[in-house]
């Protein structure tokens, strides 16, 4: 498989995984087909060094998608929504990053959905935040505890889905962590940065 085909393989694997979650993610899978590819410049972050270990924290169901991400990682544009100016420490930022796979500005273009894959290091706390789009987290590897306003905390691992309504406040503890998860968004303001609670 050529390097140029690695992101396409990642998208295919994630789409196949989403299609198995009927009534939750199959709606997204239908819209992840035949998307135009957008040229993006690869960009590495310190967190990339941690990705290979995720393979051992995947499940039988998610293993192929995690392997595809690890293979494609050097050619992907890794990003961060936050910085030290937002109150995050350098250590926190060095153990965090995400890839914009599908969106109006993603590696694969869509005006109706956003699909990203994010990594958070073991023991990290992702402060309470919210956003306009509806969100489905699909855990790919590792485990974390999700705190969502209006319901009790939920521990989730590979293959589990955590759903958030538009503007529903939520936070995540990477316990035990780390966490590798795909975030599926639909709704308005797909590219807007999440609103953080008080830090």
C-alpha atoms as a PDB file:
ATOM      1  CA  UNK A   1       0.000   0.000   0.000  1.00  0.00           C
ATOM      2  CA  UNK A   2       1.462   3.402  -0.988  1.00  0.00           C
ATOM      3  CA  UNK A   3       1.758   6.239   1.509  1.00  0.00           C
ATOM      4  CA  UNK A   4      -0.804   8.229  -0.496  1.00  0.00           C
ATOM      5  CA  UNK A   5      -3.445   5.572   0.093  1.00  0.00           C
ATOM      6  CA  UNK A   6      -2.988   5.385   3.865  1.00  0.00           C
ATOM      7  CA  UNK A   7      -5.463   8.171   4.777  1.00  0.00           C
ATOM      8  CA  UNK A   8      -8.024   6.625   2.423  1.00  0.00           C
ATOM      9  CA  UNK A   9      -7.553   3.268   4.154  1.00  0.00           C
ATOM     10  CA  UNK A  10      -8.044   4.959   7.523  1.00  0.00           C
ATOM     11  CA  UNK A  11     -11.267   6.580   6.336  1.00  0.00           C
ATOM     12  CA  UNK A  12     -12.489   3.253   4.920  1.00  0.00           C
ATOM     13  CA  UNK A  13     -11.768   1.388   8.171  1.00  0.00           C
ATOM     14  CA  UNK A  14     -13.452   4.043  10.298  1.00  0.00           C
ATOM     15  CA  UNK A  15     -16.473   4.111   7.989  1.00  0.00           C
ATOM     16  CA  UNK A  16     -16.790   0.324   8.220  1.00  0.00           C
ATOM     17  CA  UNK A  17     -16.563   0.522  12.008  1.00  0.00           C
ATOM     18  CA  UNK A  18     -19.207   3.258  12.128  1.00  0.00           C
ATOM     19  CA  UNK A  19     -21.568   1.258   9.940  1.00  0.00           C
ATOM     20  CA  UNK A  20     -21.707  -1.504  12.577  1.00  0.00           C
ATOM     21  CA  UNK A  21     -23.294   0.928  15.069  1.00  0.00           C
ATOM     22  CA  UNK A  22     -26.774   0.942  13.600  1.00  0.00           C
ATOM     23  CA  UNK A  23     -28.960   3.750  14.870  1.00  0.00           C
ATOM     24  CA  UNK A  24     -25.974   5.724  16.123  1.00  0.00           C
ATOM     25  CA  UNK A  25     -23.133   6.021  13.617  1.00  0.00           C
ATOM     26  CA  UNK A  26     -24.508   4.453  10.440  1.00  0.00           C
ATOM     27  CA  UNK A  27     -25.980   7.873   9.553  1.00  0.00           C
ATOM     28  CA  UNK A  28     -22.406   9.199   9.453  1.00  0.00           C
ATOM     29  CA  UNK A  29     -21.110   6.172   7.551  1.00  0.00           C
ATOM     30  CA  UNK A  30     -23.594   6.908   4.763  1.00  0.00           C
ATOM     31  CA  UNK A  31     -22.078  10.385   4.446  1.00  0.00           C
ATOM     32  CA  UNK A  32     -18.430   9.257   4.574  1.00  0.00           C
ATOM     33  CA  UNK A  33     -18.587   7.701   1.105  1.00  0.00           C
ATOM     34  CA  UNK A  34     -16.872   9.102  -2.005  1.00  0.00           C
ATOM     35  CA  UNK A  35     -15.706  12.298  -0.334  1.00  0.00           C
ATOM     36  CA  UNK A  36     -13.309  14.549  -2.266  1.00  0.00           C
ATOM     37  CA  UNK A  37      -9.752  14.531  -0.958  1.00  0.00           C
ATOM     38  CA  UNK A  38      -8.227  17.855   0.071  1.00  0.00           C
ATOM     39  CA  UNK A  39      -4.464  18.335  -0.067  1.00  0.00           C
ATOM     40  CA  UNK A  40      -3.092  18.884   3.448  1.00  0.00           C
ATOM     41  CA  UNK A  41       0.435  19.320   4.723  1.00  0.00           C
ATOM     42  CA  UNK A  42       1.645  16.708   7.216  1.00  0.00           C
ATOM     43  CA  UNK A  43       2.262  18.163  10.658  1.00  0.00           C
ATOM     44  CA  UNK A  44       3.623  16.172  13.599  1.00  0.00           C
ATOM     45  CA  UNK A  45       3.078  16.887  17.282  1.00  0.00           C
ATOM     46  CA  UNK A  46       4.851  15.451  20.348  1.00  0.00           C
ATOM     47  CA  UNK A  47       1.808  13.219  20.972  1.00  0.00           C
ATOM     48  CA  UNK A  48       2.586  11.259  17.801  1.00  0.00           C
ATOM     49  CA  UNK A  49       5.297   9.373  19.682  1.00  0.00           C
ATOM     50  CA  UNK A  50       2.602   7.789  21.866  1.00  0.00           C
ATOM     51  CA  UNK A  51       0.356   6.474  19.106  1.00  0.00           C
ATOM     52  CA  UNK A  52       2.049   3.091  18.453  1.00  0.00           C
ATOM     53  CA  UNK A  53       1.300   1.925  22.004  1.00  0.00           C
ATOM     54  CA  UNK A  54      -2.427   2.364  21.265  1.00  0.00           C
ATOM     55  CA  UNK A  55      -2.409  -0.854  19.268  1.00  0.00           C
ATOM     56  CA  UNK A  56      -2.190  -2.846  22.493  1.00  0.00           C
ATOM     57  CA  UNK A  57      -5.159  -0.997  23.996  1.00  0.00           C
ATOM     58  CA  UNK A  58      -7.566  -1.627  21.101  1.00  0.00           C
ATOM     59  CA  UNK A  59     -10.225  -4.329  20.891  1.00  0.00           C
ATOM     60  CA  UNK A  60     -10.798  -6.926  18.180  1.00  0.00           C
ATOM     61  CA  UNK A  61     -13.477  -4.595  16.807  1.00  0.00           C
ATOM     62  CA  UNK A  62     -11.297  -1.473  16.658  1.00  0.00           C
ATOM     63  CA  UNK A  63      -7.845  -2.966  16.009  1.00  0.00           C
ATOM     64  CA  UNK A  64      -7.846  -2.470  12.213  1.00  0.00           C
ATOM     65  CA  UNK A  65      -8.830   1.187  12.513  1.00  0.00           C
ATOM     66  CA  UNK A  66      -6.157   1.847  15.141  1.00  0.00           C
ATOM     67  CA  UNK A  67      -3.544   0.109  12.973  1.00  0.00           C
ATOM     68  CA  UNK A  68      -4.607   2.217   9.978  1.00  0.00           C
ATOM     69  CA  UNK A  69      -4.259   5.400  12.047  1.00  0.00           C
ATOM     70  CA  UNK A  70      -0.778   4.438  13.258  1.00  0.00           C
ATOM     71  CA  UNK A  71       0.315   3.688   9.675  1.00  0.00           C
ATOM     72  CA  UNK A  72      -1.142   6.934   8.332  1.00  0.00           C
ATOM     73  CA  UNK A  73      -0.013   9.150  11.231  1.00  0.00           C
ATOM     74  CA  UNK A  74       3.242  10.495   9.709  1.00  0.00           C
ATOM     75  CA  UNK A  75       1.324  11.839   6.708  1.00  0.00           C
ATOM     76  CA  UNK A  76      -1.494  13.455   8.697  1.00  0.00           C
ATOM     77  CA  UNK A  77      -1.902  17.037   9.870  1.00  0.00           C
ATOM     78  CA  UNK A  78      -1.996  16.809  13.671  1.00  0.00           C
ATOM     79  CA  UNK A  79      -3.594  19.767  15.436  1.00  0.00           C
ATOM     80  CA  UNK A  80      -4.520  21.146  18.840  1.00  0.00           C
ATOM     81  CA  UNK A  81      -7.577  23.211  19.674  1.00  0.00           C
ATOM     82  CA  UNK A  82      -5.969  24.663  22.770  1.00  0.00           C
ATOM     83  CA  UNK A  83      -2.714  26.267  23.835  1.00  0.00           C
ATOM     84  CA  UNK A  84      -0.983  27.510  26.966  1.00  0.00           C
ATOM     85  CA  UNK A  85      -2.933  30.752  26.478  1.00  0.00           C
ATOM     86  CA  UNK A  86      -6.098  28.724  27.237  1.00  0.00           C
ATOM     87  CA  UNK A  87      -4.601  27.618  30.544  1.00  0.00           C
ATOM     88  CA  UNK A  88      -3.261  24.221  29.479  1.00  0.00           C
ATOM     89  CA  UNK A  89       0.210  23.173  30.645  1.00  0.00           C
ATOM     90  CA  UNK A  90       2.988  22.262  28.226  1.00  0.00           C
ATOM     91  CA  UNK A  91       2.943  18.706  29.603  1.00  0.00           C
ATOM     92  CA  UNK A  92      -0.811  18.433  28.921  1.00  0.00           C
ATOM     93  CA  UNK A  93      -0.358  19.718  25.382  1.00  0.00           C
ATOM     94  CA  UNK A  94       2.543  17.343  24.695  1.00  0.00           C
ATOM     95  CA  UNK A  95       0.194  14.426  25.406  1.00  0.00           C
ATOM     96  CA  UNK A  96      -2.728  15.641  23.292  1.00  0.00           C
ATOM     97  CA  UNK A  97      -3.567  16.064  19.627  1.00  0.00           C
ATOM     98  CA  UNK A  98      -6.147  15.346  16.969  1.00  0.00           C
ATOM     99  CA  UNK A  99      -6.585  14.851  13.244  1.00  0.00           C
ATOM    100  CA  UNK A 100      -9.331  16.525  11.219  1.00  0.00           C
ATOM    101  CA  UNK A 101     -10.265  13.607   8.949  1.00  0.00           C
ATOM    102  CA  UNK A 102     -13.630  14.777   7.538  1.00  0.00           C
ATOM    103  CA  UNK A 103     -15.059  18.326   7.682  1.00  0.00           C
ATOM    104  CA  UNK A 104     -15.435  21.475   5.606  1.00  0.00           C
ATOM    105  CA  UNK A 105     -11.651  21.856   6.048  1.00  0.00           C
ATOM    106  CA  UNK A 106     -10.709  18.216   6.628  1.00  0.00           C
ATOM    107  CA  UNK A 107      -8.532  15.836   4.682  1.00  0.00           C
ATOM    108  CA  UNK A 108     -11.800  14.635   3.160  1.00  0.00           C
ATOM    109  CA  UNK A 109     -14.331  17.361   2.420  1.00  0.00           C
ATOM    110  CA  UNK A 110     -17.871  17.421   3.813  1.00  0.00           C
ATOM    111  CA  UNK A 111     -20.087  20.407   4.603  1.00  0.00           C
ATOM    112  CA  UNK A 112     -22.480  18.352   6.745  1.00  0.00           C
ATOM    113  CA  UNK A 113     -20.304  16.360   9.170  1.00  0.00           C
ATOM    114  CA  UNK A 114     -17.027  16.527  11.041  1.00  0.00           C
ATOM    115  CA  UNK A 115     -15.087  13.407  11.964  1.00  0.00           C
ATOM    116  CA  UNK A 116     -11.856  13.752  13.906  1.00  0.00           C
ATOM    117  CA  UNK A 117      -9.633  11.357  15.821  1.00  0.00           C
ATOM    118  CA  UNK A 118      -8.079  12.527  19.075  1.00  0.00           C
ATOM    119  CA  UNK A 119      -5.557  11.233  21.603  1.00  0.00           C
ATOM    120  CA  UNK A 120      -5.286  12.201  25.286  1.00  0.00           C
ATOM    121  CA  UNK A 121      -2.581  10.850  27.578  1.00  0.00           C
ATOM    122  CA  UNK A 122      -3.092   8.697  30.644  1.00  0.00           C
ATOM    123  CA  UNK A 123      -4.282  10.617  33.688  1.00  0.00           C
ATOM    124  CA  UNK A 124      -5.202  13.782  31.820  1.00  0.00           C
ATOM    125  CA  UNK A 125      -8.358  15.737  32.609  1.00  0.00           C
ATOM    126  CA  UNK A 126     -10.208  17.410  29.735  1.00  0.00           C
ATOM    127  CA  UNK A 127     -12.097  20.268  31.345  1.00  0.00           C
ATOM    128  CA  UNK A 128     -15.823  20.776  30.991  1.00  0.00           C
ATOM    129  CA  UNK A 129     -16.675  22.101  27.552  1.00  0.00           C
ATOM    130  CA  UNK A 130     -19.557  22.256  25.091  1.00  0.00           C
ATOM    131  CA  UNK A 131     -20.237  22.898  21.419  1.00  0.00           C
ATOM    132  CA  UNK A 132     -23.150  23.436  19.058  1.00  0.00           C
ATOM    133  CA  UNK A 133     -22.833  20.166  17.081  1.00  0.00           C
ATOM    134  CA  UNK A 134     -24.275  16.915  18.360  1.00  0.00           C
ATOM    135  CA  UNK A 135     -21.407  14.540  19.162  1.00  0.00           C
ATOM    136  CA  UNK A 136     -20.772  10.809  19.271  1.00  0.00           C
ATOM    137  CA  UNK A 137     -17.451   9.612  20.693  1.00  0.00           C
ATOM    138  CA  UNK A 138     -16.415   6.164  19.452  1.00  0.00           C
ATOM    139  CA  UNK A 139     -13.650   4.791  21.648  1.00  0.00           C
ATOM    140  CA  UNK A 140     -10.897   3.205  19.551  1.00  0.00           C
ATOM    141  CA  UNK A 141      -8.318   2.351  22.238  1.00  0.00           C
ATOM    142  CA  UNK A 142      -7.762   2.881  25.950  1.00  0.00           C
ATOM    143  CA  UNK A 143     -10.299   3.785  28.605  1.00  0.00           C
ATOM    144  CA  UNK A 144     -11.704   6.996  30.079  1.00  0.00           C
ATOM    145  CA  UNK A 145     -14.444   8.306  32.367  1.00  0.00           C
ATOM    146  CA  UNK A 146     -16.986  10.624  30.758  1.00  0.00           C
ATOM    147  CA  UNK A 147     -18.874  13.207  32.813  1.00  0.00           C
ATOM    148  CA  UNK A 148     -21.911  14.585  30.979  1.00  0.00           C
ATOM    149  CA  UNK A 149     -24.369  17.097  32.416  1.00  0.00           C
ATOM    150  CA  UNK A 150     -27.683  15.459  33.228  1.00  0.00           C
ATOM    151  CA  UNK A 151     -26.404  11.920  33.677  1.00  0.00           C
ATOM    152  CA  UNK A 152     -23.968   9.969  35.801  1.00  0.00           C
ATOM    153  CA  UNK A 153     -20.335   9.356  34.940  1.00  0.00           C
ATOM    154  CA  UNK A 154     -19.668   6.549  32.467  1.00  0.00           C
ATOM    155  CA  UNK A 155     -16.503   4.474  32.069  1.00  0.00           C
ATOM    156  CA  UNK A 156     -15.943   3.614  28.411  1.00  0.00           C
ATOM    157  CA  UNK A 157     -13.517   1.468  26.456  1.00  0.00           C
ATOM    158  CA  UNK A 158     -12.904   0.279  22.889  1.00  0.00           C
ATOM    159  CA  UNK A 159     -16.074   0.008  20.838  1.00  0.00           C
ATOM    160  CA  UNK A 160     -18.200   2.023  23.282  1.00  0.00           C
ATOM    161  CA  UNK A 161     -20.082   5.148  22.203  1.00  0.00           C
ATOM    162  CA  UNK A 162     -20.666   8.274  24.283  1.00  0.00           C
ATOM    163  CA  UNK A 163     -23.341  10.657  23.005  1.00  0.00           C
ATOM    164  CA  UNK A 164     -23.639  14.380  23.705  1.00  0.00           C
ATOM    165  CA  UNK A 165     -26.513  16.611  22.637  1.00  0.00           C
ATOM    166  CA  UNK A 166     -25.852  20.095  21.210  1.00  0.00           C
ATOM    167  CA  UNK A 167     -24.474  22.403  23.940  1.00  0.00           C
ATOM    168  CA  UNK A 168     -24.489  19.599  26.543  1.00  0.00           C
ATOM    169  CA  UNK A 169     -21.584  20.261  28.887  1.00  0.00           C
ATOM    170  CA  UNK A 170     -19.151  17.387  29.352  1.00  0.00           C
ATOM    171  CA  UNK A 171     -15.680  16.579  30.648  1.00  0.00           C
ATOM    172  CA  UNK A 172     -13.377  13.560  30.414  1.00  0.00           C
ATOM    173  CA  UNK A 173     -10.929  11.955  32.821  1.00  0.00           C
ATOM    174  CA  UNK A 174      -8.403   9.677  31.115  1.00  0.00           C
ATOM    175  CA  UNK A 175      -8.725   7.043  33.823  1.00  0.00           C
ATOM    176  CA  UNK A 176      -6.790   4.918  33.501  1.00  0.00           C
ATOM    177  CA  UNK A 177      -6.167   6.218  29.981  1.00  0.00           C
ATOM    178  CA  UNK A 178      -4.762   6.918  27.558  1.00  0.00           C
ATOM    179  CA  UNK A 179      -7.721   7.551  25.247  1.00  0.00           C
ATOM    180  CA  UNK A 180      -7.867   7.309  21.470  1.00  0.00           C
ATOM    181  CA  UNK A 181     -11.320   8.193  20.165  1.00  0.00           C
ATOM    182  CA  UNK A 182     -13.119   9.262  17.005  1.00  0.00           C
ATOM    183  CA  UNK A 183     -15.516  12.180  17.417  1.00  0.00           C
ATOM    184  CA  UNK A 184     -18.459  12.352  15.022  1.00  0.00           C
ATOM    185  CA  UNK A 185     -20.147  15.771  14.834  1.00  0.00           C
ATOM    186  CA  UNK A 186     -23.269  16.957  13.047  1.00  0.00           C
ATOM    187  CA  UNK A 187     -25.083  20.274  13.257  1.00  0.00           C
ATOM    188  CA  UNK A 188     -24.011  23.897  13.070  1.00  0.00           C
ATOM    189  CA  UNK A 189     -20.623  25.521  13.678  1.00  0.00           C
ATOM    190  CA  UNK A 190     -18.659  22.403  12.755  1.00  0.00           C
ATOM    191  CA  UNK A 191     -15.362  24.268  12.798  1.00  0.00           C
ATOM    192  CA  UNK A 192     -15.909  26.416  15.876  1.00  0.00           C
ATOM    193  CA  UNK A 193     -13.672  25.802  18.878  1.00  0.00           C
ATOM    194  CA  UNK A 194     -15.452  24.265  21.881  1.00  0.00           C
ATOM    195  CA  UNK A 195     -16.527  26.592  24.673  1.00  0.00           C
ATOM    196  CA  UNK A 196     -14.476  25.865  27.784  1.00  0.00           C
ATOM    197  CA  UNK A 197     -15.760  26.138  31.318  1.00  0.00           C
ATOM    198  CA  UNK A 198     -13.912  28.252  33.838  1.00  0.00           C
ATOM    199  CA  UNK A 199     -10.311  27.095  34.218  1.00  0.00           C
END
